[in-house]
Amino acid sequence: MDVRGKIVVVTGAAQGIGRALCERFHAEGAAKVIAADLNAEGAADVAASVGGLAFSCDVSQADEVAQMVDRVQTDIGPIDLYCSNAGILDKDPDFDNAASAPDESWARSWAVNVMGHVHAARAVLPSMRARREGYFLATVSAAGLLSQIGSATYSTTKHAALGFCEHLAIAHRDDGIRVSALCPQGVDTAMARGADARTPALLDGLLSPQTVAEAVVQGLAAERFLILPHPQVAQYMRNKAENYDRWLGGMIKLRRASRG
């Protein structure tokens, strides 16, 4: 996809990757960029900087996502590219107990990291299928392909998010709809700031959100399903597939090292 002249929605747009995507799509010539975020003030600031529109939207709430999509398509036009970017990371309260996250953390992570994508797809698919065109980009994480040391909720929900993206790609290719899953490792966002340098996700370098946005533009142009700003992730995937037990052993070593 070439985003020039396209109507684009980005959730989680107030900061980090979401903000960088809004700015880059605007620079690429998008017709209109819609910045959506739970942080209404932040979304408004981003929208103002790119000549777009802002929406306050909690992606965990199906009605809020549906209302936003309906407003955009009624007032502006059909959505060409929907970037389901919002996500949260809750760490295990007890690093030494993989099941220590409370039910509230599981519910919150599932509602945002998985259902946020499901709510978005339900809202945009009817119009995209009717037009036989459209693009759905989900920010997943390399954790969805590999794992997340120190957070069972993040690792599990990101695996589920990737599974949903795969299902979308398989089910709707013949409808003219393209799907991509953005899977970076460490990115210089609020989620990563303050993390220990030994955190495994940061070992291959902390990318700027702008670098990730560049990878997205290239990935969309090539219509690649997996967009990997950290190219090393592809080899890690191969290692995992070729010898799961050896890969698990390596992750166990990384976990030990992350403790210091």
C-alpha atoms as a PDB file:
ATOM      1  CA  MET A   1       0.000   0.000   0.000  1.00  0.00           C
ATOM      2  CA  ASP A   2       1.041   3.539  -0.780  1.00  0.00           C
ATOM      3  CA  VAL A   3      -0.521   5.788   1.873  1.00  0.00           C
ATOM      4  CA  ARG A   4      -0.651   8.843  -0.389  1.00  0.00           C
ATOM      5  CA  GLY A   5      -4.212  10.069  -0.610  1.00  0.00           C
ATOM      6  CA  LYS A   6      -5.424   7.505   1.918  1.00  0.00           C
ATOM      7  CA  ILE A   7      -7.588   7.897   5.032  1.00  0.00           C
ATOM      8  CA  VAL A   8      -5.688   6.416   7.970  1.00  0.00           C
ATOM      9  CA  VAL A   9      -6.705   5.696  11.565  1.00  0.00           C
ATOM     10  CA  VAL A  10      -4.056   5.141  14.242  1.00  0.00           C
ATOM     11  CA  THR A  11      -4.925   4.068  17.786  1.00  0.00           C
ATOM     12  CA  GLY A  12      -2.550   4.589  20.679  1.00  0.00           C
ATOM     13  CA  ALA A  13      -1.594   7.719  18.766  1.00  0.00           C
ATOM     14  CA  ALA A  14      -0.752  10.112  21.590  1.00  0.00           C
ATOM     15  CA  GLN A  15       2.861   9.010  21.927  1.00  0.00           C
ATOM     16  CA  GLY A  16       5.527   6.531  20.915  1.00  0.00           C
ATOM     17  CA  ILE A  17       5.012   4.380  17.840  1.00  0.00           C
ATOM     18  CA  GLY A  18       1.479   5.692  17.322  1.00  0.00           C
ATOM     19  CA  ARG A  19       2.596   9.299  17.191  1.00  0.00           C
ATOM     20  CA  ALA A  20       5.484   8.448  14.867  1.00  0.00           C
ATOM     21  CA  LEU A  21       3.096   6.609  12.537  1.00  0.00           C
ATOM     22  CA  CYS A  22       0.763   9.605  12.380  1.00  0.00           C
ATOM     23  CA  GLU A  23       3.627  11.946  11.581  1.00  0.00           C
ATOM     24  CA  ARG A  24       5.117   9.647   8.961  1.00  0.00           C
ATOM     25  CA  PHE A  25       1.806   8.964   7.213  1.00  0.00           C
ATOM     26  CA  HIS A  26       1.200  12.707   7.066  1.00  0.00           C
ATOM     27  CA  ALA A  27       4.669  13.225   5.582  1.00  0.00           C
ATOM     28  CA  GLU A  28       3.934  10.479   3.043  1.00  0.00           C
ATOM     29  CA  GLY A  29       0.890  12.400   1.818  1.00  0.00           C
ATOM     30  CA  ALA A  30      -2.043  10.675   3.526  1.00  0.00           C
ATOM     31  CA  ALA A  31      -5.318  12.465   2.774  1.00  0.00           C
ATOM     32  CA  LYS A  32      -6.312  12.491   6.448  1.00  0.00           C
ATOM     33  CA  VAL A  33      -4.787  10.999   9.586  1.00  0.00           C
ATOM     34  CA  ILE A  34      -7.073  10.243  12.513  1.00  0.00           C
ATOM     35  CA  ALA A  35      -5.293  10.058  15.886  1.00  0.00           C
ATOM     36  CA  ALA A  36      -7.185   8.029  18.483  1.00  0.00           C
ATOM     37  CA  ASP A  37      -6.125   7.492  22.065  1.00  0.00           C
ATOM     38  CA  LEU A  38      -7.478   7.101  25.571  1.00  0.00           C
ATOM     39  CA  ASN A  39      -5.458  10.256  26.233  1.00  0.00           C
ATOM     40  CA  ALA A  40      -7.719  12.748  24.459  1.00  0.00           C
ATOM     41  CA  GLU A  41      -5.396  15.702  24.994  1.00  0.00           C
ATOM     42  CA  GLY A  42      -2.435  13.816  23.572  1.00  0.00           C
ATOM     43  CA  ALA A  43      -4.448  12.669  20.574  1.00  0.00           C
ATOM     44  CA  ALA A  44      -5.576  16.233  19.929  1.00  0.00           C
ATOM     45  CA  ASP A  45      -1.982  17.468  20.054  1.00  0.00           C
ATOM     46  CA  VAL A  46      -0.866  14.872  17.494  1.00  0.00           C
ATOM     47  CA  ALA A  47      -3.854  15.532  15.244  1.00  0.00           C
ATOM     48  CA  ALA A  48      -3.163  19.255  15.283  1.00  0.00           C
ATOM     49  CA  SER A  49       0.459  18.652  14.270  1.00  0.00           C
ATOM     50  CA  VAL A  50      -0.552  16.635  11.194  1.00  0.00           C
ATOM     51  CA  GLY A  51      -3.696  18.475  10.171  1.00  0.00           C
ATOM     52  CA  GLY A  52      -5.784  15.503  11.173  1.00  0.00           C
ATOM     53  CA  LEU A  53      -8.630  14.694  13.520  1.00  0.00           C
ATOM     54  CA  ALA A  54      -8.557  13.374  17.073  1.00  0.00           C
ATOM     55  CA  PHE A  55     -10.775  10.932  18.902  1.00  0.00           C
ATOM     56  CA  SER A  56     -10.831   9.874  22.513  1.00  0.00           C
ATOM     57  CA  CYS A  57     -11.148   6.095  22.316  1.00  0.00           C
ATOM     58  CA  ASP A  58     -10.655   3.192  24.702  1.00  0.00           C
ATOM     59  CA  VAL A  59      -9.905   0.273  22.378  1.00  0.00           C
ATOM     60  CA  SER A  60     -10.981  -2.224  25.022  1.00  0.00           C
ATOM     61  CA  GLN A  61     -14.558  -0.940  24.612  1.00  0.00           C
ATOM     62  CA  ALA A  62     -16.260  -2.261  21.495  1.00  0.00           C
ATOM     63  CA  ASP A  63     -18.839   0.512  21.388  1.00  0.00           C
ATOM     64  CA  GLU A  64     -16.212   3.266  21.485  1.00  0.00           C
ATOM     65  CA  VAL A  65     -14.266   1.706  18.614  1.00  0.00           C
ATOM     66  CA  ALA A  66     -17.436   1.184  16.566  1.00  0.00           C
ATOM     67  CA  GLN A  67     -18.608   4.758  17.163  1.00  0.00           C
ATOM     68  CA  MET A  68     -15.223   6.186  16.157  1.00  0.00           C
ATOM     69  CA  VAL A  69     -15.104   4.142  12.954  1.00  0.00           C
ATOM     70  CA  ASP A  70     -18.670   5.111  12.089  1.00  0.00           C
ATOM     71  CA  ARG A  71     -17.940   8.800  12.656  1.00  0.00           C
ATOM     72  CA  VAL A  72     -14.819   8.696  10.497  1.00  0.00           C
ATOM     73  CA  GLN A  73     -16.526   6.872   7.647  1.00  0.00           C
ATOM     74  CA  THR A  74     -19.613   9.086   7.780  1.00  0.00           C
ATOM     75  CA  ASP A  75     -17.847  12.442   8.128  1.00  0.00           C
ATOM     76  CA  ILE A  76     -14.601  11.858   6.209  1.00  0.00           C
ATOM     77  CA  GLY A  77     -14.792   8.743   4.086  1.00  0.00           C
ATOM     78  CA  PRO A  78     -13.950   5.031   4.003  1.00  0.00           C
ATOM     79  CA  ILE A  79     -10.951   3.993   6.073  1.00  0.00           C
ATOM     80  CA  ASP A  80      -8.146   2.747   3.825  1.00  0.00           C
ATOM     81  CA  LEU A  81      -5.674   1.820   6.553  1.00  0.00           C
ATOM     82  CA  TYR A  82      -6.515   1.010  10.170  1.00  0.00           C
ATOM     83  CA  CYS A  83      -3.509   0.847  12.497  1.00  0.00           C
ATOM     84  CA  SER A  84      -4.533  -1.005  15.644  1.00  0.00           C
ATOM     85  CA  ASN A  85      -1.547   0.153  17.643  1.00  0.00           C
ATOM     86  CA  ALA A  86      -2.672   0.577  21.266  1.00  0.00           C
ATOM     87  CA  GLY A  87      -1.191  -1.865  23.772  1.00  0.00           C
ATOM     88  CA  ILE A  88      -0.211  -2.270  27.414  1.00  0.00           C
ATOM     89  CA  LEU A  89       2.479  -4.154  29.337  1.00  0.00           C
ATOM     90  CA  ASP A  90       1.914  -5.441  32.859  1.00  0.00           C
ATOM     91  CA  LYS A  91       4.887  -7.126  34.483  1.00  0.00           C
ATOM     92  CA  ASP A  92       4.641 -10.224  36.648  1.00  0.00           C
ATOM     93  CA  PRO A  93       4.269  -8.936  40.234  1.00  0.00           C
ATOM     94  CA  ASP A  94       6.587 -11.739  41.367  1.00  0.00           C
ATOM     95  CA  PHE A  95       9.365 -12.340  38.857  1.00  0.00           C
ATOM     96  CA  ASP A  96       9.874 -15.822  40.298  1.00  0.00           C
ATOM     97  CA  ASN A  97       6.233 -16.855  39.865  1.00  0.00           C
ATOM     98  CA  ALA A  98       4.986 -16.983  36.271  1.00  0.00           C
ATOM     99  CA  ALA A  99       1.383 -17.203  37.477  1.00  0.00           C
ATOM    100  CA  SER A 100       1.564 -14.253  39.879  1.00  0.00           C
ATOM    101  CA  ALA A 101      -0.354 -11.711  37.769  1.00  0.00           C
ATOM    102  CA  PRO A 102      -3.827 -11.114  39.237  1.00  0.00           C
ATOM    103  CA  ASP A 103      -7.026 -11.698  37.289  1.00  0.00           C
ATOM    104  CA  GLU A 104      -7.416  -7.937  36.851  1.00  0.00           C
ATOM    105  CA  SER A 105      -4.105  -7.750  34.978  1.00  0.00           C
ATOM    106  CA  TRP A 106      -5.052 -10.671  32.747  1.00  0.00           C
ATOM    107  CA  ALA A 107      -8.437  -9.118  31.980  1.00  0.00           C
ATOM    108  CA  ARG A 108      -6.953  -5.692  31.225  1.00  0.00           C
ATOM    109  CA  SER A 109      -4.201  -7.094  29.004  1.00  0.00           C
ATOM    110  CA  TRP A 110      -6.641  -9.308  27.112  1.00  0.00           C
ATOM    111  CA  ALA A 111      -9.106  -6.450  26.633  1.00  0.00           C
ATOM    112  CA  VAL A 112      -6.499  -4.113  25.123  1.00  0.00           C
ATOM    113  CA  ASN A 113      -3.892  -6.372  23.495  1.00  0.00           C
ATOM    114  CA  VAL A 114      -6.313  -8.831  21.922  1.00  0.00           C
ATOM    115  CA  MET A 115      -9.869  -7.528  21.922  1.00  0.00           C
ATOM    116  CA  GLY A 116      -8.702  -4.085  20.807  1.00  0.00           C
ATOM    117  CA  HIS A 117      -7.801  -5.711  17.474  1.00  0.00           C
ATOM    118  CA  VAL A 118     -10.999  -7.755  17.378  1.00  0.00           C
ATOM    119  CA  HIS A 119     -13.186  -4.701  18.040  1.00  0.00           C
ATOM    120  CA  ALA A 120     -11.357  -2.813  15.279  1.00  0.00           C
ATOM    121  CA  ALA A 121     -11.722  -5.616  12.750  1.00  0.00           C
ATOM    122  CA  ARG A 122     -15.437  -5.958  13.463  1.00  0.00           C
ATOM    123  CA  ALA A 123     -15.854  -2.242  12.845  1.00  0.00           C
ATOM    124  CA  VAL A 124     -13.841  -1.859   9.642  1.00  0.00           C
ATOM    125  CA  LEU A 125     -14.321  -5.193   7.865  1.00  0.00           C
ATOM    126  CA  PRO A 126     -17.857  -4.571   6.532  1.00  0.00           C
ATOM    127  CA  SER A 127     -16.823  -1.484   4.567  1.00  0.00           C
ATOM    128  CA  MET A 128     -13.523  -2.980   3.427  1.00  0.00           C
ATOM    129  CA  ARG A 129     -15.225  -6.166   2.249  1.00  0.00           C
ATOM    130  CA  ALA A 130     -17.902  -4.190   0.413  1.00  0.00           C
ATOM    131  CA  ARG A 131     -15.227  -2.135  -1.369  1.00  0.00           C
ATOM    132  CA  ARG A 132     -12.946  -5.155  -1.762  1.00  0.00           C
ATOM    133  CA  GLU A 133      -9.978  -3.204  -0.501  1.00  0.00           C
ATOM    134  CA  GLY A 134      -8.434  -2.042   2.735  1.00  0.00           C
ATOM    135  CA  TYR A 135      -5.463  -2.611   5.015  1.00  0.00           C
ATOM    136  CA  PHE A 136      -5.333  -3.673   8.667  1.00  0.00           C
ATOM    137  CA  LEU A 137      -2.066  -3.152  10.554  1.00  0.00           C
ATOM    138  CA  ALA A 138      -1.759  -4.461  14.115  1.00  0.00           C
ATOM    139  CA  THR A 139       1.111  -3.575  16.420  1.00  0.00           C
ATOM    140  CA  VAL A 140       1.853  -6.913  18.034  1.00  0.00           C
ATOM    141  CA  SER A 141       5.491  -7.160  19.275  1.00  0.00           C
ATOM    142  CA  ALA A 142       8.304  -9.629  18.885  1.00  0.00           C
ATOM    143  CA  ALA A 143       6.907 -11.077  22.124  1.00  0.00           C
ATOM    144  CA  GLY A 144       4.089 -12.507  20.019  1.00  0.00           C
ATOM    145  CA  LEU A 145       6.618 -14.469  17.970  1.00  0.00           C
ATOM    146  CA  LEU A 146       9.074 -15.289  20.752  1.00  0.00           C
ATOM    147  CA  SER A 147       8.210 -14.501  24.384  1.00  0.00           C
ATOM    148  CA  GLN A 148       8.398 -11.769  27.026  1.00  0.00           C
ATOM    149  CA  ILE A 149      10.571 -12.552  29.996  1.00  0.00           C
ATOM    150  CA  GLY A 150       8.934 -11.135  33.124  1.00  0.00           C
ATOM    151  CA  SER A 151       5.390 -10.795  31.839  1.00  0.00           C
ATOM    152  CA  ALA A 152       3.085 -13.748  31.308  1.00  0.00           C
ATOM    153  CA  THR A 153       0.181 -11.474  30.403  1.00  0.00           C
ATOM    154  CA  TYR A 154       2.078  -9.599  27.710  1.00  0.00           C
ATOM    155  CA  SER A 155       3.615 -12.693  26.154  1.00  0.00           C
ATOM    156  CA  THR A 156       0.342 -14.612  26.122  1.00  0.00           C
ATOM    157  CA  THR A 157      -1.855 -11.816  24.792  1.00  0.00           C
ATOM    158  CA  LYS A 158       0.652 -10.879  22.116  1.00  0.00           C
ATOM    159  CA  HIS A 159       0.736 -14.494  20.934  1.00  0.00           C
ATOM    160  CA  ALA A 160      -3.054 -14.367  20.759  1.00  0.00           C
ATOM    161  CA  ALA A 161      -2.945 -11.070  18.856  1.00  0.00           C
ATOM    162  CA  LEU A 162      -0.631 -12.596  16.273  1.00  0.00           C
ATOM    163  CA  GLY A 163      -2.984 -15.562  15.928  1.00  0.00           C
ATOM    164  CA  PHE A 164      -5.881 -13.218  15.243  1.00  0.00           C
ATOM    165  CA  CYS A 165      -3.848 -11.337  12.629  1.00  0.00           C
ATOM    166  CA  GLU A 166      -2.983 -14.597  10.909  1.00  0.00           C
ATOM    167  CA  HIS A 167      -6.665 -15.530  10.844  1.00  0.00           C
ATOM    168  CA  LEU A 168      -7.592 -12.155   9.360  1.00  0.00           C
ATOM    169  CA  ALA A 169      -4.936 -12.509   6.675  1.00  0.00           C
ATOM    170  CA  ILE A 170      -6.079 -16.003   5.732  1.00  0.00           C
ATOM    171  CA  ALA A 171      -9.813 -15.319   5.840  1.00  0.00           C
ATOM    172  CA  HIS A 172      -9.890 -11.995   4.006  1.00  0.00           C
ATOM    173  CA  ARG A 173      -7.173 -12.049   1.364  1.00  0.00           C
ATOM    174  CA  ASP A 174      -9.794 -13.024  -1.217  1.00  0.00           C
ATOM    175  CA  ASP A 175     -11.846  -9.994  -0.097  1.00  0.00           C
ATOM    176  CA  GLY A 176      -9.018  -7.719  -1.227  1.00  0.00           C
ATOM    177  CA  ILE A 177      -7.940  -6.940   2.361  1.00  0.00           C
ATOM    178  CA  ARG A 178      -4.285  -6.958   3.367  1.00  0.00           C
ATOM    179  CA  VAL A 179      -3.015  -7.530   6.906  1.00  0.00           C
ATOM    180  CA  SER A 180       0.337  -6.829   8.555  1.00  0.00           C
ATOM    181  CA  ALA A 181       1.634  -7.505  12.053  1.00  0.00           C
ATOM    182  CA  LEU A 182       4.256  -5.073  13.345  1.00  0.00           C
ATOM    183  CA  CYS A 183       6.622  -6.964  15.660  1.00  0.00           C
ATOM    184  CA  PRO A 184       9.460  -4.832  17.038  1.00  0.00           C
ATOM    185  CA  GLN A 185      11.612  -5.574  20.046  1.00  0.00           C
ATOM    186  CA  GLY A 186      12.811  -2.614  22.141  1.00  0.00           C
ATOM    187  CA  VAL A 187      11.520   0.794  21.063  1.00  0.00           C
ATOM    188  CA  ASP A 188      12.251   4.104  22.780  1.00  0.00           C
ATOM    189  CA  THR A 189       8.771   4.610  24.207  1.00  0.00           C
ATOM    190  CA  ALA A 190       7.277   5.075  27.648  1.00  0.00           C
ATOM    191  CA  MET A 191       6.879   1.294  27.835  1.00  0.00           C
ATOM    192  CA  ALA A 192      10.649   0.735  27.567  1.00  0.00           C
ATOM    193  CA  ARG A 193      12.045   3.769  29.378  1.00  0.00           C
ATOM    194  CA  GLY A 194      13.439   2.959  32.773  1.00  0.00           C
ATOM    195  CA  ALA A 195      13.902  -0.705  31.950  1.00  0.00           C
ATOM    196  CA  ASP A 196      17.163  -2.324  33.011  1.00  0.00           C
ATOM    197  CA  ALA A 197      19.726  -2.496  30.191  1.00  0.00           C
ATOM    198  CA  ARG A 198      19.870  -6.270  30.770  1.00  0.00           C
ATOM    199  CA  THR A 199      16.226  -6.642  29.789  1.00  0.00           C
ATOM    200  CA  PRO A 200      16.311  -9.229  26.954  1.00  0.00           C
ATOM    201  CA  ALA A 201      14.055  -7.189  24.658  1.00  0.00           C
ATOM    202  CA  LEU A 202      16.612  -4.370  24.685  1.00  0.00           C
ATOM    203  CA  LEU A 203      19.693  -6.440  23.891  1.00  0.00           C
ATOM    204  CA  ASP A 204      19.440  -5.842  20.130  1.00  0.00           C
ATOM    205  CA  GLY A 205      19.169  -2.099  20.543  1.00  0.00           C
ATOM    206  CA  LEU A 206      16.483   0.427  21.317  1.00  0.00           C
ATOM    207  CA  LEU A 207      15.006   1.780  18.083  1.00  0.00           C
ATOM    208  CA  SER A 208      13.425   5.199  17.771  1.00  0.00           C
ATOM    209  CA  PRO A 209       9.691   5.301  17.003  1.00  0.00           C
ATOM    210  CA  GLN A 210      10.624   7.059  13.761  1.00  0.00           C
ATOM    211  CA  THR A 211      12.769   4.098  12.710  1.00  0.00           C
ATOM    212  CA  VAL A 212       9.837   1.790  13.391  1.00  0.00           C
ATOM    213  CA  ALA A 213       7.557   4.055  11.336  1.00  0.00           C
ATOM    214  CA  GLU A 214      10.023   3.823   8.434  1.00  0.00           C
ATOM    215  CA  ALA A 215       9.911   0.026   8.668  1.00  0.00           C
ATOM    216  CA  VAL A 216       6.113   0.209   8.607  1.00  0.00           C
ATOM    217  CA  VAL A 217       6.045   2.339   5.455  1.00  0.00           C
ATOM    218  CA  GLN A 218       8.390  -0.110   3.736  1.00  0.00           C
ATOM    219  CA  GLY A 219       6.412  -3.112   4.989  1.00  0.00           C
ATOM    220  CA  LEU A 220       3.110  -1.689   3.806  1.00  0.00           C
ATOM    221  CA  ALA A 221       4.576  -0.910   0.397  1.00  0.00           C
ATOM    222  CA  ALA A 222       5.703  -4.547   0.075  1.00  0.00           C
ATOM    223  CA  GLU A 223       2.479  -5.811   1.703  1.00  0.00           C
ATOM    224  CA  ARG A 224       4.500  -8.055   4.023  1.00  0.00           C
ATOM    225  CA  PHE A 225       2.566  -9.833   6.755  1.00  0.00           C
ATOM    226  CA  LEU A 226       5.407  -9.626   9.289  1.00  0.00           C
ATOM    227  CA  ILE A 227       7.055  -6.232   9.679  1.00  0.00           C
ATOM    228  CA  LEU A 228      10.251  -6.691  11.687  1.00  0.00           C
ATOM    229  CA  PRO A 229      12.086  -3.447  12.508  1.00  0.00           C
ATOM    230  CA  HIS A 230      14.700  -5.594  14.301  1.00  0.00           C
ATOM    231  CA  PRO A 231      15.839  -7.986  11.530  1.00  0.00           C
ATOM    232  CA  GLN A 232      17.387 -10.331  14.113  1.00  0.00           C
ATOM    233  CA  VAL A 233      13.893 -11.465  15.071  1.00  0.00           C
ATOM    234  CA  ALA A 234      13.599 -13.462  11.853  1.00  0.00           C
ATOM    235  CA  GLN A 235      16.613 -15.583  12.844  1.00  0.00           C
ATOM    236  CA  TYR A 236      15.267 -16.027  16.371  1.00  0.00           C
ATOM    237  CA  MET A 237      12.050 -17.360  14.841  1.00  0.00           C
ATOM    238  CA  ARG A 238      14.018 -19.819  12.740  1.00  0.00           C
ATOM    239  CA  ASN A 239      15.975 -20.944  15.800  1.00  0.00           C
ATOM    240  CA  LYS A 240      12.735 -21.511  17.693  1.00  0.00           C
ATOM    241  CA  ALA A 241      11.178 -23.521  14.870  1.00  0.00           C
ATOM    242  CA  GLU A 242      14.269 -25.625  14.208  1.00  0.00           C
ATOM    243  CA  ASN A 243      14.906 -26.672  17.810  1.00  0.00           C
ATOM    244  CA  TYR A 244      12.274 -25.596  20.334  1.00  0.00           C
ATOM    245  CA  ASP A 245      14.086 -27.133  23.323  1.00  0.00           C
ATOM    246  CA  ARG A 246      17.366 -25.424  22.474  1.00  0.00           C
ATOM    247  CA  TRP A 247      15.520 -22.128  21.993  1.00  0.00           C
ATOM    248  CA  LEU A 248      13.848 -22.535  25.396  1.00  0.00           C
ATOM    249  CA  GLY A 249      17.260 -23.197  26.903  1.00  0.00           C
ATOM    250  CA  GLY A 250      18.553 -19.967  25.454  1.00  0.00           C
ATOM    251  CA  MET A 251      15.586 -18.031  26.825  1.00  0.00           C
ATOM    252  CA  ILE A 252      16.154 -19.560  30.258  1.00  0.00           C
ATOM    253  CA  LYS A 253      19.756 -18.327  30.130  1.00  0.00           C
ATOM    254  CA  LEU A 254      18.544 -14.858  29.125  1.00  0.00           C
ATOM    255  CA  ARG A 255      16.157 -14.835  32.089  1.00  0.00           C
ATOM    256  CA  ARG A 256      18.990 -15.755  34.478  1.00  0.00           C
ATOM    257  CA  ALA A 257      21.186 -13.020  33.014  1.00  0.00           C
ATOM    258  CA  SER A 258      18.402 -10.439  33.333  1.00  0.00           C
ATOM    259  CA  ARG A 259      18.392 -10.994  37.095  1.00  0.00           C
ATOM    260  CA  GLY A 260      22.007  -9.862  37.346  1.00  0.00           C
END
